[in-house]
Amino acid sequence: MSLYFAKRRGLLVLLTALVCSTLGVANAQTNVSWPDKSIKIIVGYSAGGATDILARLVAVKMGNTLGQSVIVENKPGANSNVGAEIVVRSPADGYTLYAFSIANTINMSLYPKLGYDALKDLEPIGMIAKIPNILVVNPNLPIKTVAEYVRYAKESKDGITFASSGSGSSIHLSGEMFKMQSKIQMLHIPYKGSAPAVTDLLGGQVDSMFDNAPSAMPHIQSGKLRPVGITSAQRSPLLPEVPTLAESGYPNFDVQSWFALAAPAGTPKPIIEKLNAALNKALTAPDVRQRLQELGATPEPGSPEKMRDFATAEVKRWREVVKASGAKAE
């Protein structure tokens, strides 16, 4: 009998060890101790742009919350696709994140052979902020309102020109959407970046631009560009006197550049939840909110699920605009 109980006790010890081992694996899988090293955020654009600025703005605060440094790395190319492909090929362990943006939802329709699926290959963490575009014109033009912009285009032999930072950008497609709704003649002039586009707008080589607020504001404040309308549904606190396009006769016109964070698909849910909590906390910091206000940006804290639903709707929305406009990747 004693031999029986000895064997039984040995079996129980073995089973206990196996259970503990299994629980240890489960704990490892949920990464209870995560993070135990630095985290990097890949930005698909060069340093200094809106995506880069916002990623760096939240990175420091997130690092403070998570107890590890969060580093931003710039991997520009192909309208942010180079950076996105780096991330989707990275281990799904929470240590490589991506600065997800409106461009990724536009690229789904713009590029016929995209090397990733923005909805399937990236796991949403949460939104950072939204930034409106501003319809600006060269002040030498007799245009002060949206109605005058439309009238000028109709009365001009060649219509009106609008610059963009490149085909398929939110700046470009804001113009295409307005062209569709206003039914006026508008000629798109694409540039390789916002800076050269603004330079030619200032010089009078092009008539107008639906530029991002951070890029346009310094020139508006100096009087070198004239704001005509805001592309978001609400007026911008930076320019409270400038009406929205929706107010100006184009109901439901609402275009904003937006920015978010994502991780490779398959990243464990507990890690996503930790990252989401750290991001949302960063967006409540007074200095972060102050900087966002200076950029004309609205913080957008929320859940991963909310971001997924929003991105899914954006893919559908921009697919229709890309198809109607005939926009193609450069």
C-alpha atoms as a PDB file:
ATOM      1  CA  MET A   1       0.000   0.000   0.000  1.00  0.00           C
ATOM      2  CA  SER A   2       2.823   2.352   0.877  1.00  0.00           C
ATOM      3  CA  LEU A   3       4.337   1.681  -2.539  1.00  0.00           C
ATOM      4  CA  TYR A   4       0.985   2.625  -4.135  1.00  0.00           C
ATOM      5  CA  PHE A   5       0.800   5.897  -2.246  1.00  0.00           C
ATOM      6  CA  ALA A   6       4.427   6.620  -3.010  1.00  0.00           C
ATOM      7  CA  LYS A   7       3.782   6.141  -6.706  1.00  0.00           C
ATOM      8  CA  ARG A   8       0.607   8.202  -6.467  1.00  0.00           C
ATOM      9  CA  ARG A   9       2.443  10.979  -4.653  1.00  0.00           C
ATOM     10  CA  GLY A  10       5.155  10.906  -7.296  1.00  0.00           C
ATOM     11  CA  LEU A  11       2.538  11.165 -10.012  1.00  0.00           C
ATOM     12  CA  LEU A  12       0.915  14.141  -8.273  1.00  0.00           C
ATOM     13  CA  VAL A  13       4.294  15.860  -7.982  1.00  0.00           C
ATOM     14  CA  LEU A  14       4.873  15.278 -11.677  1.00  0.00           C
ATOM     15  CA  LEU A  15       1.424  16.579 -12.579  1.00  0.00           C
ATOM     16  CA  THR A  16       1.929  19.615 -10.369  1.00  0.00           C
ATOM     17  CA  ALA A  17       5.233  20.338 -12.064  1.00  0.00           C
ATOM     18  CA  LEU A  18       3.590  20.006 -15.461  1.00  0.00           C
ATOM     19  CA  VAL A  19       0.757  22.350 -14.461  1.00  0.00           C
ATOM     20  CA  CYS A  20       3.212  24.911 -13.099  1.00  0.00           C
ATOM     21  CA  SER A  21       5.260  24.616 -16.254  1.00  0.00           C
ATOM     22  CA  THR A  22       2.150  25.118 -18.385  1.00  0.00           C
ATOM     23  CA  LEU A  23       1.120  28.135 -16.336  1.00  0.00           C
ATOM     24  CA  GLY A  24       4.619  29.498 -16.733  1.00  0.00           C
ATOM     25  CA  VAL A  25       4.312  29.157 -20.498  1.00  0.00           C
ATOM     26  CA  ALA A  26       0.914  30.845 -20.394  1.00  0.00           C
ATOM     27  CA  ASN A  27       2.347  33.687 -18.343  1.00  0.00           C
ATOM     28  CA  ALA A  28       5.220  33.980 -20.790  1.00  0.00           C
ATOM     29  CA  GLN A  29       2.733  34.076 -23.646  1.00  0.00           C
ATOM     30  CA  THR A  30       0.792  36.888 -22.043  1.00  0.00           C
ATOM     31  CA  ASN A  31       4.087  38.633 -21.317  1.00  0.00           C
ATOM     32  CA  VAL A  32       3.317  39.592 -17.734  1.00  0.00           C
ATOM     33  CA  SER A  33       6.827  41.057 -17.398  1.00  0.00           C
ATOM     34  CA  TRP A  34       6.646  42.894 -20.723  1.00  0.00           C
ATOM     35  CA  PRO A  35       8.409  45.158 -21.565  1.00  0.00           C
ATOM     36  CA  ASP A  36      11.911  44.243 -20.470  1.00  0.00           C
ATOM     37  CA  LYS A  37      13.768  46.182 -23.184  1.00  0.00           C
ATOM     38  CA  SER A  38      13.341  49.292 -25.311  1.00  0.00           C
ATOM     39  CA  ILE A  39      10.501  49.648 -27.820  1.00  0.00           C
ATOM     40  CA  LYS A  40      10.753  51.273 -31.235  1.00  0.00           C
ATOM     41  CA  ILE A  41       8.139  53.069 -33.308  1.00  0.00           C
ATOM     42  CA  ILE A  42       8.745  52.957 -37.054  1.00  0.00           C
ATOM     43  CA  VAL A  43       7.688  56.123 -38.893  1.00  0.00           C
ATOM     44  CA  GLY A  44       7.288  55.744 -42.652  1.00  0.00           C
ATOM     45  CA  TYR A  45       8.346  59.321 -43.362  1.00  0.00           C
ATOM     46  CA  SER A  46      11.383  61.532 -42.877  1.00  0.00           C
ATOM     47  CA  ALA A  47      11.926  63.377 -39.611  1.00  0.00           C
ATOM     48  CA  GLY A  48      10.081  66.643 -39.118  1.00  0.00           C
ATOM     49  CA  GLY A  49       6.726  65.789 -40.685  1.00  0.00           C
ATOM     50  CA  ALA A  50       3.434  65.555 -38.810  1.00  0.00           C
ATOM     51  CA  THR A  51       3.633  61.758 -38.412  1.00  0.00           C
ATOM     52  CA  ASP A  52       7.138  61.990 -36.998  1.00  0.00           C
ATOM     53  CA  ILE A  53       6.275  64.887 -34.682  1.00  0.00           C
ATOM     54  CA  LEU A  54       3.252  63.131 -33.180  1.00  0.00           C
ATOM     55  CA  ALA A  55       5.057  59.795 -32.799  1.00  0.00           C
ATOM     56  CA  ARG A  56       7.881  61.476 -30.891  1.00  0.00           C
ATOM     57  CA  LEU A  57       5.407  63.457 -28.810  1.00  0.00           C
ATOM     58  CA  VAL A  58       3.765  60.332 -27.373  1.00  0.00           C
ATOM     59  CA  ALA A  59       6.881  58.125 -27.375  1.00  0.00           C
ATOM     60  CA  VAL A  60       8.534  59.792 -24.392  1.00  0.00           C
ATOM     61  CA  LYS A  61       5.378  59.730 -22.262  1.00  0.00           C
ATOM     62  CA  MET A  62       4.656  56.114 -23.154  1.00  0.00           C
ATOM     63  CA  GLY A  63       8.190  55.180 -22.202  1.00  0.00           C
ATOM     64  CA  ASN A  64       7.761  56.786 -18.803  1.00  0.00           C
ATOM     65  CA  THR A  65       4.605  54.765 -18.199  1.00  0.00           C
ATOM     66  CA  LEU A  66       5.994  51.461 -19.482  1.00  0.00           C
ATOM     67  CA  GLY A  67       9.356  51.801 -17.724  1.00  0.00           C
ATOM     68  CA  GLN A  68      11.371  51.382 -20.927  1.00  0.00           C
ATOM     69  CA  SER A  69      12.564  53.846 -23.535  1.00  0.00           C
ATOM     70  CA  VAL A  70      10.423  54.195 -26.657  1.00  0.00           C
ATOM     71  CA  ILE A  71      12.551  55.171 -29.651  1.00  0.00           C
ATOM     72  CA  VAL A  72      11.335  56.558 -32.991  1.00  0.00           C
ATOM     73  CA  GLU A  73      13.045  55.331 -36.174  1.00  0.00           C
ATOM     74  CA  ASN A  74      12.379  56.924 -39.573  1.00  0.00           C
ATOM     75  CA  LYS A  75      12.083  54.542 -42.538  1.00  0.00           C
ATOM     76  CA  PRO A  76      10.709  56.728 -45.352  1.00  0.00           C
ATOM     77  CA  GLY A  77       9.636  55.551 -48.771  1.00  0.00           C
ATOM     78  CA  ALA A  78       6.645  54.782 -51.022  1.00  0.00           C
ATOM     79  CA  ASN A  79       4.155  56.946 -49.123  1.00  0.00           C
ATOM     80  CA  SER A  80       5.016  55.162 -45.833  1.00  0.00           C
ATOM     81  CA  ASN A  81       4.791  51.616 -47.266  1.00  0.00           C
ATOM     82  CA  VAL A  82       8.481  50.889 -46.661  1.00  0.00           C
ATOM     83  CA  GLY A  83       8.069  51.432 -42.931  1.00  0.00           C
ATOM     84  CA  ALA A  84       4.818  49.469 -42.794  1.00  0.00           C
ATOM     85  CA  GLU A  85       6.383  46.427 -44.453  1.00  0.00           C
ATOM     86  CA  ILE A  86       9.259  46.481 -41.971  1.00  0.00           C
ATOM     87  CA  VAL A  87       6.776  46.318 -39.109  1.00  0.00           C
ATOM     88  CA  VAL A  88       4.522  43.587 -40.527  1.00  0.00           C
ATOM     89  CA  ARG A  89       7.613  41.393 -40.972  1.00  0.00           C
ATOM     90  CA  SER A  90       8.770  42.026 -37.388  1.00  0.00           C
ATOM     91  CA  PRO A  91       8.114  39.646 -34.455  1.00  0.00           C
ATOM     92  CA  ALA A  92       4.686  40.144 -32.887  1.00  0.00           C
ATOM     93  CA  ASP A  93       6.172  40.765 -29.440  1.00  0.00           C
ATOM     94  CA  GLY A  94       5.289  44.411 -28.849  1.00  0.00           C
ATOM     95  CA  TYR A  95       8.809  45.743 -29.344  1.00  0.00           C
ATOM     96  CA  THR A  96       8.308  47.060 -32.893  1.00  0.00           C
ATOM     97  CA  LEU A  97       5.374  49.407 -33.468  1.00  0.00           C
ATOM     98  CA  TYR A  98       4.178  51.407 -36.443  1.00  0.00           C
ATOM     99  CA  ALA A  99       3.019  55.004 -36.780  1.00  0.00           C
ATOM    100  CA  PHE A 100      -0.182  54.167 -38.648  1.00  0.00           C
ATOM    101  CA  SER A 101      -1.877  56.982 -40.570  1.00  0.00           C
ATOM    102  CA  ILE A 102      -4.492  57.945 -43.123  1.00  0.00           C
ATOM    103  CA  ALA A 103      -1.937  57.159 -45.842  1.00  0.00           C
ATOM    104  CA  ASN A 104      -2.107  53.450 -45.056  1.00  0.00           C
ATOM    105  CA  THR A 105      -5.854  53.328 -45.668  1.00  0.00           C
ATOM    106  CA  ILE A 106      -5.460  55.315 -48.907  1.00  0.00           C
ATOM    107  CA  ASN A 107      -2.597  53.103 -50.083  1.00  0.00           C
ATOM    108  CA  MET A 108      -4.871  50.061 -49.960  1.00  0.00           C
ATOM    109  CA  SER A 109      -6.562  51.407 -53.108  1.00  0.00           C
ATOM    110  CA  LEU A 110      -3.752  53.494 -54.563  1.00  0.00           C
ATOM    111  CA  TYR A 111      -1.149  50.738 -54.973  1.00  0.00           C
ATOM    112  CA  PRO A 112      -2.201  47.771 -57.159  1.00  0.00           C
ATOM    113  CA  LYS A 113       0.415  45.463 -55.604  1.00  0.00           C
ATOM    114  CA  LEU A 114       0.799  46.454 -51.979  1.00  0.00           C
ATOM    115  CA  GLY A 115       3.114  44.243 -49.942  1.00  0.00           C
ATOM    116  CA  TYR A 116       0.825  44.162 -46.898  1.00  0.00           C
ATOM    117  CA  ASP A 117      -2.803  44.498 -45.865  1.00  0.00           C
ATOM    118  CA  ALA A 118      -3.237  47.402 -43.454  1.00  0.00           C
ATOM    119  CA  LEU A 119      -6.313  45.809 -41.870  1.00  0.00           C
ATOM    120  CA  LYS A 120      -5.074  42.219 -41.614  1.00  0.00           C
ATOM    121  CA  ASP A 121      -1.323  42.542 -41.064  1.00  0.00           C
ATOM    122  CA  LEU A 122      -1.355  45.293 -38.442  1.00  0.00           C
ATOM    123  CA  GLU A 123      -2.915  45.129 -34.982  1.00  0.00           C
ATOM    124  CA  PRO A 124      -4.520  48.425 -33.875  1.00  0.00           C
ATOM    125  CA  ILE A 125      -3.271  49.951 -30.610  1.00  0.00           C
ATOM    126  CA  GLY A 126      -5.093  53.274 -30.627  1.00  0.00           C
ATOM    127  CA  MET A 127      -5.512  56.668 -32.219  1.00  0.00           C
ATOM    128  CA  ILE A 128      -3.214  59.590 -31.449  1.00  0.00           C
ATOM    129  CA  ALA A 129      -4.806  62.631 -33.067  1.00  0.00           C
ATOM    130  CA  LYS A 130      -6.577  64.154 -36.044  1.00  0.00           C
ATOM    131  CA  ILE A 131      -5.413  67.261 -37.902  1.00  0.00           C
ATOM    132  CA  PRO A 132      -7.607  69.189 -40.353  1.00  0.00           C
ATOM    133  CA  ASN A 133      -6.473  70.382 -43.733  1.00  0.00           C
ATOM    134  CA  ILE A 134      -6.905  74.038 -44.669  1.00  0.00           C
ATOM    135  CA  LEU A 135      -7.830  75.266 -48.130  1.00  0.00           C
ATOM    136  CA  VAL A 136      -5.335  78.075 -48.670  1.00  0.00           C
ATOM    137  CA  VAL A 137      -4.784  80.341 -51.667  1.00  0.00           C
ATOM    138  CA  ASN A 138      -2.154  82.766 -52.811  1.00  0.00           C
ATOM    139  CA  PRO A 139      -3.292  86.153 -51.396  1.00  0.00           C
ATOM    140  CA  ASN A 140      -2.819  87.791 -54.810  1.00  0.00           C
ATOM    141  CA  LEU A 141      -5.918  85.943 -56.019  1.00  0.00           C
ATOM    142  CA  PRO A 142      -9.333  87.640 -55.565  1.00  0.00           C
ATOM    143  CA  ILE A 143     -10.518  84.801 -53.340  1.00  0.00           C
ATOM    144  CA  LYS A 144     -11.591  85.151 -49.702  1.00  0.00           C
ATOM    145  CA  THR A 145     -14.393  82.596 -49.427  1.00  0.00           C
ATOM    146  CA  VAL A 146     -15.223  79.136 -50.713  1.00  0.00           C
ATOM    147  CA  ALA A 147     -17.940  80.630 -52.912  1.00  0.00           C
ATOM    148  CA  GLU A 148     -15.371  82.976 -54.479  1.00  0.00           C
ATOM    149  CA  TYR A 149     -13.002  80.018 -54.963  1.00  0.00           C
ATOM    150  CA  VAL A 150     -15.689  78.155 -56.909  1.00  0.00           C
ATOM    151  CA  ARG A 151     -16.654  81.245 -58.913  1.00  0.00           C
ATOM    152  CA  TYR A 152     -13.005  81.932 -59.800  1.00  0.00           C
ATOM    153  CA  ALA A 153     -12.580  78.373 -61.054  1.00  0.00           C
ATOM    154  CA  LYS A 154     -15.734  78.580 -63.151  1.00  0.00           C
ATOM    155  CA  GLU A 155     -14.868  81.958 -64.657  1.00  0.00           C
ATOM    156  CA  SER A 156     -11.221  81.097 -65.366  1.00  0.00           C
ATOM    157  CA  LYS A 157     -10.494  79.603 -68.766  1.00  0.00           C
ATOM    158  CA  ASP A 158      -8.285  76.883 -67.289  1.00  0.00           C
ATOM    159  CA  GLY A 159     -10.085  76.430 -63.978  1.00  0.00           C
ATOM    160  CA  ILE A 160      -7.963  76.511 -60.843  1.00  0.00           C
ATOM    161  CA  THR A 161      -4.809  74.641 -59.864  1.00  0.00           C
ATOM    162  CA  PHE A 162      -4.178  72.948 -56.530  1.00  0.00           C
ATOM    163  CA  ALA A 163      -0.878  71.604 -55.268  1.00  0.00           C
ATOM    164  CA  SER A 164      -0.277  68.556 -53.095  1.00  0.00           C
ATOM    165  CA  SER A 165       2.527  66.737 -51.345  1.00  0.00           C
ATOM    166  CA  GLY A 166       2.069  63.845 -53.792  1.00  0.00           C
ATOM    167  CA  SER A 167      -0.558  61.753 -55.527  1.00  0.00           C
ATOM    168  CA  GLY A 168      -2.717  59.862 -53.062  1.00  0.00           C
ATOM    169  CA  SER A 169      -1.900  62.034 -50.050  1.00  0.00           C
ATOM    170  CA  SER A 170      -4.739  63.364 -47.904  1.00  0.00           C
ATOM    171  CA  ILE A 171      -3.824  66.799 -49.260  1.00  0.00           C
ATOM    172  CA  HIS A 172      -4.393  65.573 -52.821  1.00  0.00           C
ATOM    173  CA  LEU A 173      -7.569  63.628 -52.091  1.00  0.00           C
ATOM    174  CA  SER A 174      -9.073  66.514 -50.116  1.00  0.00           C
ATOM    175  CA  GLY A 175      -8.901  68.455 -53.379  1.00  0.00           C
ATOM    176  CA  GLU A 176     -10.284  65.567 -55.394  1.00  0.00           C
ATOM    177  CA  MET A 177     -13.203  65.190 -53.002  1.00  0.00           C
ATOM    178  CA  PHE A 178     -13.965  68.909 -53.260  1.00  0.00           C
ATOM    179  CA  LYS A 179     -13.701  68.702 -57.039  1.00  0.00           C
ATOM    180  CA  MET A 180     -16.248  65.872 -57.038  1.00  0.00           C
ATOM    181  CA  GLN A 181     -18.681  67.790 -54.848  1.00  0.00           C
ATOM    182  CA  SER A 182     -18.289  71.250 -56.397  1.00  0.00           C
ATOM    183  CA  LYS A 183     -18.085  69.970 -59.997  1.00  0.00           C
ATOM    184  CA  ILE A 184     -15.556  72.667 -60.912  1.00  0.00           C
ATOM    185  CA  GLN A 185     -12.480  72.348 -63.084  1.00  0.00           C
ATOM    186  CA  MET A 186      -9.439  71.758 -60.861  1.00  0.00           C
ATOM    187  CA  LEU A 187      -5.973  70.744 -62.047  1.00  0.00           C
ATOM    188  CA  HIS A 188      -3.890  68.734 -59.581  1.00  0.00           C
ATOM    189  CA  ILE A 189      -0.163  69.584 -59.427  1.00  0.00           C
ATOM    190  CA  PRO A 190       1.672  66.912 -57.377  1.00  0.00           C
ATOM    191  CA  TYR A 191       5.001  67.578 -55.653  1.00  0.00           C
ATOM    192  CA  LYS A 192       7.443  65.374 -53.784  1.00  0.00           C
ATOM    193  CA  GLY A 193       6.541  66.640 -50.364  1.00  0.00           C
ATOM    194  CA  SER A 194       4.577  69.482 -48.826  1.00  0.00           C
ATOM    195  CA  ALA A 195       7.509  71.916 -48.603  1.00  0.00           C
ATOM    196  CA  PRO A 196       8.142  72.333 -52.371  1.00  0.00           C
ATOM    197  CA  ALA A 197       4.378  72.516 -52.969  1.00  0.00           C
ATOM    198  CA  VAL A 198       4.021  75.364 -50.473  1.00  0.00           C
ATOM    199  CA  THR A 199       7.055  77.109 -51.993  1.00  0.00           C
ATOM    200  CA  ASP A 200       5.397  77.217 -55.418  1.00  0.00           C
ATOM    201  CA  LEU A 201       2.085  78.263 -53.870  1.00  0.00           C
ATOM    202  CA  LEU A 202       3.832  81.177 -52.156  1.00  0.00           C
ATOM    203  CA  GLY A 203       5.497  82.077 -55.454  1.00  0.00           C
ATOM    204  CA  GLY A 204       2.237  82.018 -57.379  1.00  0.00           C
ATOM    205  CA  GLN A 205       3.107  79.045 -59.601  1.00  0.00           C
ATOM    206  CA  VAL A 206      -0.016  77.299 -58.300  1.00  0.00           C
ATOM    207  CA  ASP A 207      -3.256  78.797 -57.047  1.00  0.00           C
ATOM    208  CA  SER A 208      -4.253  76.778 -53.997  1.00  0.00           C
ATOM    209  CA  MET A 209      -3.618  73.828 -51.700  1.00  0.00           C
ATOM    210  CA  PHE A 210      -5.527  71.751 -49.138  1.00  0.00           C
ATOM    211  CA  ASP A 211      -2.549  71.747 -46.808  1.00  0.00           C
ATOM    212  CA  ASN A 212      -2.143  70.175 -43.331  1.00  0.00           C
ATOM    213  CA  ALA A 213      -2.669  72.730 -40.575  1.00  0.00           C
ATOM    214  CA  PRO A 214       0.882  72.534 -39.073  1.00  0.00           C
ATOM    215  CA  SER A 215       2.427  73.280 -42.472  1.00  0.00           C
ATOM    216  CA  ALA A 216       0.009  76.032 -43.461  1.00  0.00           C
ATOM    217  CA  MET A 217      -0.308  77.951 -40.182  1.00  0.00           C
ATOM    218  CA  PRO A 218       3.067  79.778 -40.182  1.00  0.00           C
ATOM    219  CA  HIS A 219       2.341  81.175 -43.655  1.00  0.00           C
ATOM    220  CA  ILE A 220      -1.215  82.087 -42.712  1.00  0.00           C
ATOM    221  CA  GLN A 221       0.026  83.911 -39.621  1.00  0.00           C
ATOM    222  CA  SER A 222       2.596  85.827 -41.691  1.00  0.00           C
ATOM    223  CA  GLY A 223      -0.034  86.788 -44.257  1.00  0.00           C
ATOM    224  CA  LYS A 224       1.685  84.938 -47.090  1.00  0.00           C
ATOM    225  CA  LEU A 225      -1.241  82.546 -47.543  1.00  0.00           C
ATOM    226  CA  ARG A 226      -4.962  83.208 -47.186  1.00  0.00           C
ATOM    227  CA  PRO A 227      -7.185  80.592 -45.504  1.00  0.00           C
ATOM    228  CA  VAL A 228     -10.492  79.987 -47.262  1.00  0.00           C
ATOM    229  CA  GLY A 229     -11.984  76.912 -45.604  1.00  0.00           C
ATOM    230  CA  ILE A 230     -11.373  74.105 -43.118  1.00  0.00           C
ATOM    231  CA  THR A 231     -11.824  70.508 -44.279  1.00  0.00           C
ATOM    232  CA  SER A 232     -12.887  69.086 -40.895  1.00  0.00           C
ATOM    233  CA  ALA A 233     -16.486  68.958 -39.680  1.00  0.00           C
ATOM    234  CA  GLN A 234     -15.726  71.542 -36.970  1.00  0.00           C
ATOM    235  CA  ARG A 235     -13.858  74.824 -37.173  1.00  0.00           C
ATOM    236  CA  SER A 236     -10.258  74.871 -36.039  1.00  0.00           C
ATOM    237  CA  PRO A 237      -9.506  76.654 -32.745  1.00  0.00           C
ATOM    238  CA  LEU A 238      -6.418  78.025 -34.506  1.00  0.00           C
ATOM    239  CA  LEU A 239      -8.634  79.790 -37.053  1.00  0.00           C
ATOM    240  CA  PRO A 240     -12.047  80.172 -35.431  1.00  0.00           C
ATOM    241  CA  GLU A 241     -13.132  82.789 -37.959  1.00  0.00           C
ATOM    242  CA  VAL A 242     -12.552  80.498 -40.969  1.00  0.00           C
ATOM    243  CA  PRO A 243     -15.638  78.421 -41.862  1.00  0.00           C
ATOM    244  CA  THR A 244     -15.604  74.734 -42.685  1.00  0.00           C
ATOM    245  CA  LEU A 245     -16.315  73.499 -46.195  1.00  0.00           C
ATOM    246  CA  ALA A 246     -19.435  71.876 -44.771  1.00  0.00           C
ATOM    247  CA  GLU A 247     -20.628  75.289 -43.575  1.00  0.00           C
ATOM    248  CA  SER A 248     -19.768  76.751 -46.965  1.00  0.00           C
ATOM    249  CA  GLY A 249     -22.289  74.701 -48.901  1.00  0.00           C
ATOM    250  CA  TYR A 250     -20.757  71.220 -48.981  1.00  0.00           C
ATOM    251  CA  PRO A 251     -22.584  69.196 -46.307  1.00  0.00           C
ATOM    252  CA  ASN A 252     -20.833  66.199 -44.756  1.00  0.00           C
ATOM    253  CA  PHE A 253     -17.430  67.302 -46.102  1.00  0.00           C
ATOM    254  CA  ASP A 254     -15.059  66.026 -43.436  1.00  0.00           C
ATOM    255  CA  VAL A 255     -11.436  65.237 -44.255  1.00  0.00           C
ATOM    256  CA  GLN A 256      -8.701  65.138 -41.649  1.00  0.00           C
ATOM    257  CA  SER A 257      -5.234  63.697 -41.566  1.00  0.00           C
ATOM    258  CA  TRP A 258      -5.110  61.253 -38.667  1.00  0.00           C
ATOM    259  CA  PHE A 259      -2.401  59.377 -36.848  1.00  0.00           C
ATOM    260  CA  ALA A 260      -2.374  56.209 -34.757  1.00  0.00           C
ATOM    261  CA  LEU A 261      -0.215  53.365 -33.480  1.00  0.00           C
ATOM    262  CA  ALA A 262      -0.295  49.723 -34.558  1.00  0.00           C
ATOM    263  CA  ALA A 263       1.701  46.534 -33.989  1.00  0.00           C
ATOM    264  CA  PRO A 264       2.309  43.418 -36.102  1.00  0.00           C
ATOM    265  CA  ALA A 265      -0.754  41.171 -36.344  1.00  0.00           C
ATOM    266  CA  GLY A 266      -0.748  38.481 -33.673  1.00  0.00           C
ATOM    267  CA  THR A 267       0.715  40.659 -30.924  1.00  0.00           C
ATOM    268  CA  PRO A 268      -0.729  39.282 -27.641  1.00  0.00           C
ATOM    269  CA  LYS A 269      -3.788  41.116 -26.383  1.00  0.00           C
ATOM    270  CA  PRO A 270      -2.279  41.901 -22.924  1.00  0.00           C
ATOM    271  CA  ILE A 271       0.564  43.740 -24.655  1.00  0.00           C
ATOM    272  CA  ILE A 272      -1.848  45.660 -26.891  1.00  0.00           C
ATOM    273  CA  GLU A 273      -3.835  46.622 -23.792  1.00  0.00           C
ATOM    274  CA  LYS A 274      -0.701  47.875 -22.002  1.00  0.00           C
ATOM    275  CA  LEU A 275       0.325  49.913 -25.034  1.00  0.00           C
ATOM    276  CA  ASN A 276      -3.165  51.331 -25.434  1.00  0.00           C
ATOM    277  CA  ALA A 277      -3.283  52.366 -21.773  1.00  0.00           C
ATOM    278  CA  ALA A 278       0.145  54.029 -22.047  1.00  0.00           C
ATOM    279  CA  LEU A 279      -0.879  55.862 -25.226  1.00  0.00           C
ATOM    280  CA  ASN A 280      -4.152  57.106 -23.765  1.00  0.00           C
ATOM    281  CA  LYS A 281      -2.332  58.274 -20.644  1.00  0.00           C
ATOM    282  CA  ALA A 282       0.194  60.160 -22.794  1.00  0.00           C
ATOM    283  CA  LEU A 283      -2.653  61.986 -24.530  1.00  0.00           C
ATOM    284  CA  THR A 284      -3.917  63.322 -21.187  1.00  0.00           C
ATOM    285  CA  ALA A 285      -0.582  64.938 -20.252  1.00  0.00           C
ATOM    286  CA  PRO A 286      -0.945  68.757 -20.143  1.00  0.00           C
ATOM    287  CA  ASP A 287       2.221  69.413 -22.160  1.00  0.00           C
ATOM    288  CA  VAL A 288       1.179  66.911 -24.837  1.00  0.00           C
ATOM    289  CA  ARG A 289      -2.273  68.465 -25.123  1.00  0.00           C
ATOM    290  CA  GLN A 290      -0.717  71.931 -25.310  1.00  0.00           C
ATOM    291  CA  ARG A 291       1.557  70.868 -28.162  1.00  0.00           C
ATOM    292  CA  LEU A 292      -1.322  69.210 -29.989  1.00  0.00           C
ATOM    293  CA  GLN A 293      -3.308  72.413 -29.678  1.00  0.00           C
ATOM    294  CA  GLU A 294      -0.402  74.379 -31.160  1.00  0.00           C
ATOM    295  CA  LEU A 295      -0.401  71.969 -34.121  1.00  0.00           C
ATOM    296  CA  GLY A 296      -4.131  72.336 -34.615  1.00  0.00           C
ATOM    297  CA  ALA A 297      -4.548  68.672 -33.682  1.00  0.00           C
ATOM    298  CA  THR A 298      -7.322  67.051 -31.669  1.00  0.00           C
ATOM    299  CA  PRO A 299      -6.269  64.189 -29.347  1.00  0.00           C
ATOM    300  CA  GLU A 300      -8.205  60.973 -30.012  1.00  0.00           C
ATOM    301  CA  PRO A 301      -7.812  58.586 -27.065  1.00  0.00           C
ATOM    302  CA  GLY A 302      -9.786  55.382 -27.416  1.00  0.00           C
ATOM    303  CA  SER A 303      -9.702  51.599 -27.676  1.00  0.00           C
ATOM    304  CA  PRO A 304      -8.009  49.335 -30.235  1.00  0.00           C
ATOM    305  CA  GLU A 305     -11.478  48.259 -31.363  1.00  0.00           C
ATOM    306  CA  LYS A 306     -12.488  51.850 -32.025  1.00  0.00           C
ATOM    307  CA  MET A 307      -9.366  52.365 -34.133  1.00  0.00           C
ATOM    308  CA  ARG A 308     -10.024  49.166 -36.108  1.00  0.00           C
ATOM    309  CA  ASP A 309     -13.585  50.242 -36.932  1.00  0.00           C
ATOM    310  CA  PHE A 310     -12.390  53.705 -37.954  1.00  0.00           C
ATOM    311  CA  ALA A 311      -9.582  52.374 -40.190  1.00  0.00           C
ATOM    312  CA  THR A 312     -11.949  49.900 -41.841  1.00  0.00           C
ATOM    313  CA  ALA A 313     -14.386  52.713 -42.675  1.00  0.00           C
ATOM    314  CA  GLU A 314     -11.523  54.867 -43.994  1.00  0.00           C
ATOM    315  CA  VAL A 315     -10.359  52.137 -46.397  1.00  0.00           C
ATOM    316  CA  LYS A 316     -13.846  51.968 -47.896  1.00  0.00           C
ATOM    317  CA  ARG A 317     -14.201  55.728 -48.029  1.00  0.00           C
ATOM    318  CA  TRP A 318     -10.908  56.387 -49.796  1.00  0.00           C
ATOM    319  CA  ARG A 319     -11.368  53.468 -52.192  1.00  0.00           C
ATOM    320  CA  GLU A 320     -14.361  55.308 -53.603  1.00  0.00           C
ATOM    321  CA  VAL A 321     -12.486  58.613 -53.857  1.00  0.00           C
ATOM    322  CA  VAL A 322      -9.392  57.042 -55.462  1.00  0.00           C
ATOM    323  CA  LYS A 323     -11.555  55.249 -58.010  1.00  0.00           C
ATOM    324  CA  ALA A 324     -13.581  58.349 -58.865  1.00  0.00           C
ATOM    325  CA  SER A 325     -10.518  60.621 -59.099  1.00  0.00           C
ATOM    326  CA  GLY A 326      -8.325  58.208 -61.036  1.00  0.00           C
ATOM    327  CA  ALA A 327      -5.448  58.880 -58.640  1.00  0.00           C
ATOM    328  CA  LYS A 328      -2.423  56.602 -59.098  1.00  0.00           C
ATOM    329  CA  ALA A 329       0.753  55.929 -57.137  1.00  0.00           C
ATOM    330  CA  GLU A 330       3.752  57.956 -58.289  1.00  0.00           C
END
